[in-house]
PDB file of all heavy atoms in Angstrom:
ATOM      1  N   GLU A   1       1.539  32.133  24.534  1.00  0.00           N
ATOM      2  CA  GLU A   1       2.038  32.438  23.197  1.00  0.00           C
ATOM      3  C   GLU A   1       1.905  31.188  22.336  1.00  0.00           C
ATOM      4  O   GLU A   1       1.534  30.115  22.830  1.00  0.00           O
ATOM      5  CB  GLU A   1       3.505  32.883  23.252  1.00  0.00           C
ATOM      6  CG  GLU A   1       4.426  31.833  23.854  1.00  0.00           C
ATOM      7  CD  GLU A   1       5.859  32.322  23.973  1.00  0.00           C
ATOM      8  OE1 GLU A   1       6.127  33.469  23.580  1.00  0.00           O
ATOM      9  OE2 GLU A   1       6.712  31.539  24.429  1.00  0.00           O
ATOM     10  N   ASP A   2       2.197  31.334  21.064  1.00  0.00           N
ATOM     11  CA  ASP A   2       2.131  30.169  20.180  1.00  0.00           C
ATOM     12  C   ASP A   2       3.107  29.099  20.660  1.00  0.00           C
ATOM     13  O   ASP A   2       4.227  29.401  21.104  1.00  0.00           O
ATOM     14  CB  ASP A   2       2.491  30.568  18.750  1.00  0.00           C
ATOM     15  CG  ASP A   2       1.463  31.492  18.124  1.00  0.00           C
ATOM     16  OD1 ASP A   2       0.408  31.711  18.742  1.00  0.00           O
ATOM     17  OD2 ASP A   2       1.731  31.996  17.010  1.00  0.00           O
ATOM     18  N   LEU A   3       2.678  27.858  20.540  1.00  0.00           N
ATOM     19  CA  LEU A   3       3.492  26.723  20.979  1.00  0.00           C
ATOM     20  C   LEU A   3       3.887  25.926  19.741  1.00  0.00           C
ATOM     21  O   LEU A   3       3.032  25.347  19.062  1.00  0.00           O
ATOM     22  CB  LEU A   3       2.679  25.865  21.951  1.00  0.00           C
ATOM     23  CG  LEU A   3       3.361  24.674  22.627  1.00  0.00           C
ATOM     24  CD1 LEU A   3       4.616  25.107  23.384  1.00  0.00           C
ATOM     25  CD2 LEU A   3       2.373  23.998  23.583  1.00  0.00           C
ATOM     26  N   THR A   4       5.182  25.895  19.424  1.00  0.00           N
ATOM     27  CA  THR A   4       5.670  25.243  18.202  1.00  0.00           C
ATOM     28  C   THR A   4       6.641  24.126  18.557  1.00  0.00           C
ATOM     29  O   THR A   4       7.544  24.305  19.372  1.00  0.00           O
ATOM     30  CB  THR A   4       6.387  26.256  17.293  1.00  0.00           C
ATOM     31  OG1 THR A   4       5.464  27.282  16.915  1.00  0.00           O
ATOM     32  CG2 THR A   4       6.904  25.572  16.028  1.00  0.00           C
ATOM     33  N   ARG A   5       6.432  22.986  17.936  1.00  0.00           N
ATOM     34  CA  ARG A   5       7.328  21.848  18.114  1.00  0.00           C
ATOM     35  C   ARG A   5       7.569  21.186  16.754  1.00  0.00           C
ATOM     36  O   ARG A   5       6.710  21.206  15.872  1.00  0.00           O
ATOM     37  CB  ARG A   5       6.742  20.820  19.075  1.00  0.00           C
ATOM     38  CG  ARG A   5       6.511  21.343  20.488  1.00  0.00           C
ATOM     39  CD  ARG A   5       7.826  21.607  21.204  1.00  0.00           C
ATOM     40  NE  ARG A   5       7.620  22.031  22.583  1.00  0.00           N
ATOM     41  CZ  ARG A   5       7.619  23.299  22.994  1.00  0.00           C
ATOM     42  NH1 ARG A   5       7.789  24.281  22.101  1.00  0.00           N
ATOM     43  NH2 ARG A   5       7.455  23.590  24.266  1.00  0.00           N
ATOM     44  N   THR A   6       8.739  20.586  16.615  1.00  0.00           N
ATOM     45  CA  THR A   6       9.100  19.881  15.388  1.00  0.00           C
ATOM     46  C   THR A   6       9.291  18.409  15.705  1.00  0.00           C
ATOM     47  O   THR A   6       9.938  18.055  16.692  1.00  0.00           O
ATOM     48  CB  THR A   6      10.396  20.458  14.784  1.00  0.00           C
ATOM     49  OG1 THR A   6      10.191  21.844  14.490  1.00  0.00           O
ATOM     50  CG2 THR A   6      10.763  19.726  13.502  1.00  0.00           C
ATOM     51  N   GLY A   7       8.712  17.579  14.863  1.00  0.00           N
ATOM     52  CA  GLY A   7       8.857  16.135  15.018  1.00  0.00           C
ATOM     53  C   GLY A   7       9.674  15.547  13.888  1.00  0.00           C
ATOM     54  O   GLY A   7       9.587  16.005  12.745  1.00  0.00           O
ATOM     55  N   ARG A   8      10.473  14.560  14.219  1.00  0.00           N
ATOM     56  CA  ARG A   8      11.272  13.868  13.214  1.00  0.00           C
ATOM     57  C   ARG A   8      11.157  12.368  13.416  1.00  0.00           C
ATOM     58  O   ARG A   8      10.998  11.901  14.537  1.00  0.00           O
ATOM     59  CB  ARG A   8      12.758  14.252  13.321  1.00  0.00           C
ATOM     60  CG  ARG A   8      13.077  15.690  13.009  1.00  0.00           C
ATOM     61  CD  ARG A   8      14.584  15.878  12.843  1.00  0.00           C
ATOM     62  NE  ARG A   8      14.918  17.277  12.630  1.00  0.00           N
ATOM     63  CZ  ARG A   8      15.428  18.085  13.548  1.00  0.00           C
ATOM     64  NH1 ARG A   8      15.640  17.630  14.769  1.00  0.00           N
ATOM     65  NH2 ARG A   8      15.714  19.344  13.270  1.00  0.00           N
ATOM     66  N   ILE A   9      11.263  11.633  12.326  1.00  0.00           N
ATOM     67  CA  ILE A   9      11.321  10.174  12.405  1.00  0.00           C
ATOM     68  C   ILE A   9      12.293   9.662  11.367  1.00  0.00           C
ATOM     69  O   ILE A   9      12.456  10.256  10.293  1.00  0.00           O
ATOM     70  CB  ILE A   9       9.928   9.539  12.211  1.00  0.00           C
ATOM     71  CG1 ILE A   9       9.975   8.059  12.576  1.00  0.00           C
ATOM     72  CG2 ILE A   9       9.407   9.738  10.783  1.00  0.00           C
ATOM     73  CD1 ILE A   9       8.621   7.423  12.780  1.00  0.00           C
ATOM     74  N   GLU A  10      12.978   8.589  11.721  1.00  0.00           N
ATOM     75  CA  GLU A  10      13.861   7.901  10.791  1.00  0.00           C
ATOM     76  C   GLU A  10      13.607   6.410  10.900  1.00  0.00           C
ATOM     77  O   GLU A  10      13.293   5.897  11.978  1.00  0.00           O
ATOM     78  CB  GLU A  10      15.334   8.184  11.111  1.00  0.00           C
ATOM     79  CG  GLU A  10      15.762   9.621  10.896  1.00  0.00           C
ATOM     80  CD  GLU A  10      17.270   9.776  11.030  1.00  0.00           C
ATOM     81  OE1 GLU A  10      17.983   8.864  10.564  1.00  0.00           O
ATOM     82  OE2 GLU A  10      17.715  10.786  11.586  1.00  0.00           O
ATOM     83  N   PRO A  11      13.724   5.681   9.793  1.00  0.00           N
ATOM     84  CA  PRO A  11      13.583   4.224   9.884  1.00  0.00           C
ATOM     85  C   PRO A  11      14.696   3.655  10.748  1.00  0.00           C
ATOM     86  O   PRO A  11      15.827   4.160  10.742  1.00  0.00           O
ATOM     87  CB  PRO A  11      13.693   3.763   8.433  1.00  0.00           C
ATOM     88  CG  PRO A  11      14.423   4.874   7.728  1.00  0.00           C
ATOM     89  CD  PRO A  11      14.015   6.132   8.428  1.00  0.00           C
ATOM     90  N   GLY A  12      14.369   2.636  11.502  1.00  0.00           N
ATOM     91  CA  GLY A  12      15.346   2.025  12.399  1.00  0.00           C
ATOM     92  C   GLY A  12      15.462   0.527  12.175  1.00  0.00           C
ATOM     93  O   GLY A  12      15.245   0.017  11.068  1.00  0.00           O
ATOM     94  N   GLU A  13      15.761  -0.177  13.255  1.00  0.00           N
ATOM     95  CA  GLU A  13      16.025  -1.604  13.154  1.00  0.00           C
ATOM     96  C   GLU A  13      14.818  -2.408  12.698  1.00  0.00           C
ATOM     97  O   GLU A  13      14.956  -3.481  12.101  1.00  0.00           O
ATOM     98  CB  GLU A  13      16.512  -2.128  14.514  1.00  0.00           C
ATOM     99  CG  GLU A  13      17.837  -1.544  14.958  1.00  0.00           C
ATOM    100  CD  GLU A  13      18.248  -2.040  16.331  1.00  0.00           C
ATOM    101  OE1 GLU A  13      17.456  -2.800  16.941  1.00  0.00           O
ATOM    102  OE2 GLU A  13      19.349  -1.692  16.792  1.00  0.00           O
ATOM    103  N   LEU A  14      13.626  -1.909  12.987  1.00  0.00           N
ATOM    104  CA  LEU A  14      12.423  -2.662  12.633  1.00  0.00           C
ATOM    105  C   LEU A  14      12.297  -2.893  11.131  1.00  0.00           C
ATOM    106  O   LEU A  14      11.703  -3.885  10.691  1.00  0.00           O
ATOM    107  CB  LEU A  14      11.172  -1.939  13.141  1.00  0.00           C
ATOM    108  CG  LEU A  14      10.915  -2.040  14.643  1.00  0.00           C
ATOM    109  CD1 LEU A  14       9.773  -1.122  15.051  1.00  0.00           C
ATOM    110  CD2 LEU A  14      10.599  -3.477  15.031  1.00  0.00           C
ATOM    111  N   MET A  15      12.831  -1.974  10.332  1.00  0.00           N
ATOM    112  CA  MET A  15      12.760  -2.125   8.874  1.00  0.00           C
ATOM    113  C   MET A  15      13.479  -3.396   8.424  1.00  0.00           C
ATOM    114  O   MET A  15      13.120  -4.016   7.420  1.00  0.00           O
ATOM    115  CB  MET A  15      13.374  -0.916   8.183  1.00  0.00           C
ATOM    116  CG  MET A  15      12.503   0.327   8.236  1.00  0.00           C
ATOM    117  SD  MET A  15      11.133   0.297   7.062  1.00  0.00           S
ATOM    118  CE  MET A  15      12.010   0.471   5.521  1.00  0.00           C
ATOM    119  N   GLU A  16      14.518  -3.804   9.162  1.00  0.00           N
ATOM    120  CA  GLU A  16      15.291  -4.984   8.804  1.00  0.00           C
ATOM    121  C   GLU A  16      14.816  -6.226   9.548  1.00  0.00           C
ATOM    122  O   GLU A  16      14.879  -7.335   9.019  1.00  0.00           O
ATOM    123  CB  GLU A  16      16.779  -4.745   9.117  1.00  0.00           C
ATOM    124  CG  GLU A  16      17.379  -3.543   8.412  1.00  0.00           C
ATOM    125  CD  GLU A  16      17.343  -3.692   6.904  1.00  0.00           C
ATOM    126  OE1 GLU A  16      17.467  -4.841   6.415  1.00  0.00           O
ATOM    127  OE2 GLU A  16      17.183  -2.679   6.209  1.00  0.00           O
ATOM    128  N   LYS A  17      14.303  -6.043  10.751  1.00  0.00           N
ATOM    129  CA  LYS A  17      13.957  -7.190  11.597  1.00  0.00           C
ATOM    130  C   LYS A  17      12.605  -7.801  11.267  1.00  0.00           C
ATOM    131  O   LYS A  17      12.365  -8.977  11.561  1.00  0.00           O
ATOM    132  CB  LYS A  17      13.972  -6.771  13.071  1.00  0.00           C
ATOM    133  CG  LYS A  17      15.353  -6.497  13.636  1.00  0.00           C
ATOM    134  CD  LYS A  17      15.256  -6.165  15.117  1.00  0.00           C
ATOM    135  CE  LYS A  17      16.636  -5.980  15.737  1.00  0.00           C
ATOM    136  NZ  LYS A  17      16.535  -5.651  17.178  1.00  0.00           N
ATOM    137  N   VAL A  18      11.697  -6.998  10.704  1.00  0.00           N
ATOM    138  CA  VAL A  18      10.318  -7.447  10.507  1.00  0.00           C
ATOM    139  C   VAL A  18       9.863  -7.090   9.094  1.00  0.00           C
ATOM    140  O   VAL A  18      10.059  -5.962   8.645  1.00  0.00           O
ATOM    141  CB  VAL A  18       9.367  -6.790  11.539  1.00  0.00           C
ATOM    142  CG1 VAL A  18       7.957  -7.322  11.374  1.00  0.00           C
ATOM    143  CG2 VAL A  18       9.857  -7.029  12.959  1.00  0.00           C
ATOM    144  N   ASN A  19       9.261  -8.044   8.392  1.00  0.00           N
ATOM    145  CA  ASN A  19       8.670  -7.760   7.093  1.00  0.00           C
ATOM    146  C   ASN A  19       7.346  -7.040   7.316  1.00  0.00           C
ATOM    147  O   ASN A  19       6.447  -7.558   7.978  1.00  0.00           O
ATOM    148  CB  ASN A  19       8.448  -9.061   6.317  1.00  0.00           C
ATOM    149  CG  ASN A  19       7.900  -8.821   4.935  1.00  0.00           C
ATOM    150  OD1 ASN A  19       6.740  -8.465   4.772  1.00  0.00           O
ATOM    151  ND2 ASN A  19       8.735  -9.007   3.925  1.00  0.00           N
ATOM    152  N   GLN A  20       7.203  -5.847   6.731  1.00  0.00           N
ATOM    153  CA  GLN A  20       6.057  -4.980   7.038  1.00  0.00           C
ATOM    154  C   GLN A  20       5.190  -4.721   5.806  1.00  0.00           C
ATOM    155  O   GLN A  20       4.739  -3.614   5.584  1.00  0.00           O
ATOM    156  CB  GLN A  20       6.561  -3.651   7.595  1.00  0.00           C
ATOM    157  CG  GLN A  20       7.424  -3.786   8.818  1.00  0.00           C
ATOM    158  CD  GLN A  20       8.124  -2.497   9.172  1.00  0.00           C
ATOM    159  OE1 GLN A  20       7.764  -1.421   8.720  1.00  0.00           O
ATOM    160  NE2 GLN A  20       9.150  -2.604   9.995  1.00  0.00           N
ATOM    161  N   SER A  21       4.932  -5.707   5.035  1.00  0.00           N
ATOM    162  CA  SER A  21       4.231  -5.513   3.772  1.00  0.00           C
ATOM    163  C   SER A  21       2.727  -5.324   3.965  1.00  0.00           C
ATOM    164  O   SER A  21       2.184  -5.539   5.042  1.00  0.00           O
ATOM    165  CB  SER A  21       4.494  -6.707   2.854  1.00  0.00           C
ATOM    166  OG  SER A  21       5.884  -6.862   2.647  1.00  0.00           O
ATOM    167  N   THR A  22       2.083  -4.903   2.888  1.00  0.00           N
ATOM    168  CA  THR A  22       0.634  -4.736   2.872  1.00  0.00           C
ATOM    169  C   THR A  22       0.032  -5.795   1.955  1.00  0.00           C
ATOM    170  O   THR A  22       0.697  -6.293   1.046  1.00  0.00           O
ATOM    171  CB  THR A  22       0.242  -3.337   2.383  1.00  0.00           C
ATOM    172  OG1 THR A  22       0.804  -3.121   1.075  1.00  0.00           O
ATOM    173  CG2 THR A  22       0.774  -2.267   3.328  1.00  0.00           C
ATOM    174  N   TYR A  23      -1.247  -6.112   2.185  1.00  0.00           N
ATOM    175  CA  TYR A  23      -1.855  -7.245   1.490  1.00  0.00           C
ATOM    176  C   TYR A  23      -3.284  -6.936   1.084  1.00  0.00           C
ATOM    177  O   TYR A  23      -3.920  -6.029   1.627  1.00  0.00           O
ATOM    178  CB  TYR A  23      -1.836  -8.496   2.383  1.00  0.00           C
ATOM    179  CG  TYR A  23      -0.454  -8.940   2.746  1.00  0.00           C
ATOM    180  CD1 TYR A  23       0.178  -8.450   3.892  1.00  0.00           C
ATOM    181  CD2 TYR A  23       0.242  -9.828   1.936  1.00  0.00           C
ATOM    182  CE1 TYR A  23       1.465  -8.835   4.224  1.00  0.00           C
ATOM    183  CE2 TYR A  23       1.533 -10.224   2.264  1.00  0.00           C
ATOM    184  CZ  TYR A  23       2.141  -9.720   3.397  1.00  0.00           C
ATOM    185  OH  TYR A  23       3.410 -10.100   3.705  1.00  0.00           O
ATOM    186  N   GLY A  24      -3.770  -7.736   0.145  1.00  0.00           N
ATOM    187  CA  GLY A  24      -5.154  -7.592  -0.280  1.00  0.00           C
ATOM    188  C   GLY A  24      -5.525  -8.694  -1.245  1.00  0.00           C
ATOM    189  O   GLY A  24      -4.776  -9.658  -1.460  1.00  0.00           O
ATOM    190  N   ALA A  25      -6.702  -8.570  -1.833  1.00  0.00           N
ATOM    191  CA  ALA A  25      -7.181  -9.548  -2.804  1.00  0.00           C
ATOM    192  C   ALA A  25      -8.121  -8.870  -3.780  1.00  0.00           C
ATOM    193  O   ALA A  25      -8.849  -7.934  -3.419  1.00  0.00           O
ATOM    194  CB  ALA A  25      -7.895 -10.697  -2.099  1.00  0.00           C
ATOM    195  N   PHE A  26      -8.093  -9.339  -5.025  1.00  0.00           N
ATOM    196  CA  PHE A  26      -8.961  -8.820  -6.088  1.00  0.00           C
ATOM    197  C   PHE A  26      -9.886  -9.922  -6.587  1.00  0.00           C
ATOM    198  O   PHE A  26      -9.471 -11.082  -6.726  1.00  0.00           O
ATOM    199  CB  PHE A  26      -8.134  -8.326  -7.283  1.00  0.00           C
ATOM    200  CG  PHE A  26      -7.109  -7.290  -6.952  1.00  0.00           C
ATOM    201  CD1 PHE A  26      -5.776  -7.634  -6.828  1.00  0.00           C
ATOM    202  CD2 PHE A  26      -7.465  -5.958  -6.777  1.00  0.00           C
ATOM    203  CE1 PHE A  26      -4.813  -6.676  -6.535  1.00  0.00           C
ATOM    204  CE2 PHE A  26      -6.515  -4.996  -6.489  1.00  0.00           C
ATOM    205  CZ  PHE A  26      -5.186  -5.361  -6.362  1.00  0.00           C
ATOM    206  N   PHE A  27     -11.104  -9.538  -6.889  1.00  0.00           N
ATOM    207  CA  PHE A  27     -12.075 -10.430  -7.526  1.00  0.00           C
ATOM    208  C   PHE A  27     -12.760  -9.639  -8.636  1.00  0.00           C
ATOM    209  O   PHE A  27     -13.141  -8.481  -8.420  1.00  0.00           O
ATOM    210  CB  PHE A  27     -13.108 -10.924  -6.517  1.00  0.00           C
ATOM    211  CG  PHE A  27     -12.515 -11.775  -5.424  1.00  0.00           C
ATOM    212  CD1 PHE A  27     -11.927 -11.197  -4.312  1.00  0.00           C
ATOM    213  CD2 PHE A  27     -12.540 -13.157  -5.524  1.00  0.00           C
ATOM    214  CE1 PHE A  27     -11.365 -11.974  -3.309  1.00  0.00           C
ATOM    215  CE2 PHE A  27     -11.981 -13.946  -4.525  1.00  0.00           C
ATOM    216  CZ  PHE A  27     -11.392 -13.360  -3.418  1.00  0.00           C
ATOM    217  N   CYS A  28     -12.895 -10.239  -9.806  1.00  0.00           N
ATOM    218  CA  CYS A  28     -13.501  -9.485 -10.903  1.00  0.00           C
ATOM    219  C   CYS A  28     -14.303 -10.402 -11.816  1.00  0.00           C
ATOM    220  O   CYS A  28     -14.120 -11.628 -11.830  1.00  0.00           O
ATOM    221  CB  CYS A  28     -12.445  -8.735 -11.707  1.00  0.00           C
ATOM    222  SG  CYS A  28     -11.314  -9.798 -12.631  1.00  0.00           S
ATOM    223  N   GLU A  29     -15.177  -9.781 -12.568  1.00  0.00           N
ATOM    224  CA  GLU A  29     -15.989 -10.471 -13.562  1.00  0.00           C
ATOM    225  C   GLU A  29     -15.817  -9.758 -14.893  1.00  0.00           C
ATOM    226  O   GLU A  29     -15.899  -8.528 -14.957  1.00  0.00           O
ATOM    227  CB  GLU A  29     -17.462 -10.457 -13.151  1.00  0.00           C
ATOM    228  CG  GLU A  29     -18.386 -11.162 -14.141  1.00  0.00           C
ATOM    229  CD  GLU A  29     -19.828 -11.127 -13.667  1.00  0.00           C
ATOM    230  OE1 GLU A  29     -20.193 -11.994 -12.855  1.00  0.00           O
ATOM    231  OE2 GLU A  29     -20.572 -10.212 -14.093  1.00  0.00           O
ATOM    232  N   VAL A  30     -15.576 -10.545 -15.949  1.00  0.00           N
ATOM    233  CA  VAL A  30     -15.392  -9.964 -17.275  1.00  0.00           C
ATOM    234  C   VAL A  30     -16.368 -10.597 -18.255  1.00  0.00           C
ATOM    235  O   VAL A  30     -16.890 -11.699 -18.032  1.00  0.00           O
ATOM    236  CB  VAL A  30     -13.952 -10.167 -17.809  1.00  0.00           C
ATOM    237  CG1 VAL A  30     -12.929  -9.583 -16.860  1.00  0.00           C
ATOM    238  CG2 VAL A  30     -13.672 -11.636 -18.097  1.00  0.00           C
ATOM    239  N   ALA A  31     -16.582  -9.878 -19.335  1.00  0.00           N
ATOM    240  CA  ALA A  31     -17.320 -10.403 -20.478  1.00  0.00           C
ATOM    241  C   ALA A  31     -16.400 -10.332 -21.692  1.00  0.00           C
ATOM    242  O   ALA A  31     -15.791  -9.294 -21.948  1.00  0.00           O
ATOM    243  CB  ALA A  31     -18.588  -9.591 -20.717  1.00  0.00           C
ATOM    244  N   VAL A  32     -16.265 -11.438 -22.407  1.00  0.00           N
ATOM    245  CA  VAL A  32     -15.425 -11.503 -23.599  1.00  0.00           C
ATOM    246  C   VAL A  32     -16.331 -11.767 -24.800  1.00  0.00           C
ATOM    247  O   VAL A  32     -17.087 -12.741 -24.819  1.00  0.00           O
ATOM    248  CB  VAL A  32     -14.369 -12.611 -23.494  1.00  0.00           C
ATOM    249  CG1 VAL A  32     -13.529 -12.675 -24.766  1.00  0.00           C
ATOM    250  CG2 VAL A  32     -13.472 -12.380 -22.280  1.00  0.00           C
ATOM    251  N   ASN A  33     -16.257 -10.884 -25.781  1.00  0.00           N
ATOM    252  CA  ASN A  33     -17.113 -11.023 -26.954  1.00  0.00           C
ATOM    253  C   ASN A  33     -16.674 -12.231 -27.785  1.00  0.00           C
ATOM    254  O   ASN A  33     -15.508 -12.346 -28.171  1.00  0.00           O
ATOM    255  CB  ASN A  33     -17.075  -9.759 -27.803  1.00  0.00           C
ATOM    256  CG  ASN A  33     -18.131  -9.763 -28.877  1.00  0.00           C
ATOM    257  OD1 ASN A  33     -17.992 -10.404 -29.909  1.00  0.00           O
ATOM    258  ND2 ASN A  33     -19.218  -9.025 -28.637  1.00  0.00           N
ATOM    259  N   ALA A  34     -17.612 -13.111 -28.050  1.00  0.00           N
ATOM    260  CA  ALA A  34     -17.305 -14.359 -28.737  1.00  0.00           C
ATOM    261  C   ALA A  34     -16.880 -14.145 -30.185  1.00  0.00           C
ATOM    262  O   ALA A  34     -16.233 -15.016 -30.783  1.00  0.00           O
ATOM    263  CB  ALA A  34     -18.523 -15.279 -28.695  1.00  0.00           C
ATOM    264  N   PHE A  35     -17.201 -12.993 -30.778  1.00  0.00           N
ATOM    265  CA  PHE A  35     -16.890 -12.732 -32.180  1.00  0.00           C
ATOM    266  C   PHE A  35     -15.687 -11.811 -32.358  1.00  0.00           C
ATOM    267  O   PHE A  35     -14.897 -11.978 -33.286  1.00  0.00           O
ATOM    268  CB  PHE A  35     -18.111 -12.119 -32.877  1.00  0.00           C
ATOM    269  CG  PHE A  35     -19.287 -13.055 -32.943  1.00  0.00           C
ATOM    270  CD1 PHE A  35     -20.257 -13.035 -31.958  1.00  0.00           C
ATOM    271  CD2 PHE A  35     -19.416 -13.967 -33.976  1.00  0.00           C
ATOM    272  CE1 PHE A  35     -21.342 -13.894 -32.012  1.00  0.00           C
ATOM    273  CE2 PHE A  35     -20.497 -14.833 -34.041  1.00  0.00           C
ATOM    274  CZ  PHE A  35     -21.463 -14.801 -33.048  1.00  0.00           C
ATOM    275  N   THR A  36     -15.536 -10.811 -31.475  1.00  0.00           N
ATOM    276  CA  THR A  36     -14.497  -9.797 -31.666  1.00  0.00           C
ATOM    277  C   THR A  36     -13.317  -9.929 -30.715  1.00  0.00           C
ATOM    278  O   THR A  36     -12.270  -9.332 -30.945  1.00  0.00           O
ATOM    279  CB  THR A  36     -15.090  -8.386 -31.488  1.00  0.00           C
ATOM    280  OG1 THR A  36     -15.458  -8.200 -30.105  1.00  0.00           O
ATOM    281  CG2 THR A  36     -16.304  -8.186 -32.368  1.00  0.00           C
ATOM    282  N   GLY A  37     -13.486 -10.667 -29.623  1.00  0.00           N
ATOM    283  CA  GLY A  37     -12.426 -10.766 -28.628  1.00  0.00           C
ATOM    284  C   GLY A  37     -12.350  -9.574 -27.697  1.00  0.00           C
ATOM    285  O   GLY A  37     -11.462  -9.499 -26.853  1.00  0.00           O
ATOM    286  N   GLU A  38     -13.268  -8.634 -27.827  1.00  0.00           N
ATOM    287  CA  GLU A  38     -13.282  -7.489 -26.925  1.00  0.00           C
ATOM    288  C   GLU A  38     -13.568  -7.950 -25.494  1.00  0.00           C
ATOM    289  O   GLU A  38     -14.440  -8.796 -25.275  1.00  0.00           O
ATOM    290  CB  GLU A  38     -14.354  -6.486 -27.349  1.00  0.00           C
ATOM    291  CG  GLU A  38     -14.484  -5.283 -26.403  1.00  0.00           C
ATOM    292  CD  GLU A  38     -15.705  -4.434 -26.688  1.00  0.00           C
ATOM    293  OE1 GLU A  38     -16.430  -4.721 -27.669  1.00  0.00           O
ATOM    294  OE2 GLU A  38     -15.942  -3.490 -25.925  1.00  0.00           O
TER     295      GLU A  38
END
C-alpha cells in the first residue's frame, strides 16, 4: 500500500554554538560618462 511518512525539523543548539553564515565576492566593471555622469 502507499507508504507515508512525515518529517519535522527544528533549530537546535547548533544555531547558537556555531556561526553558519554564507559568503561570496563581487567583481564588476563600470563605464562613467565624462560629460553626463551616467
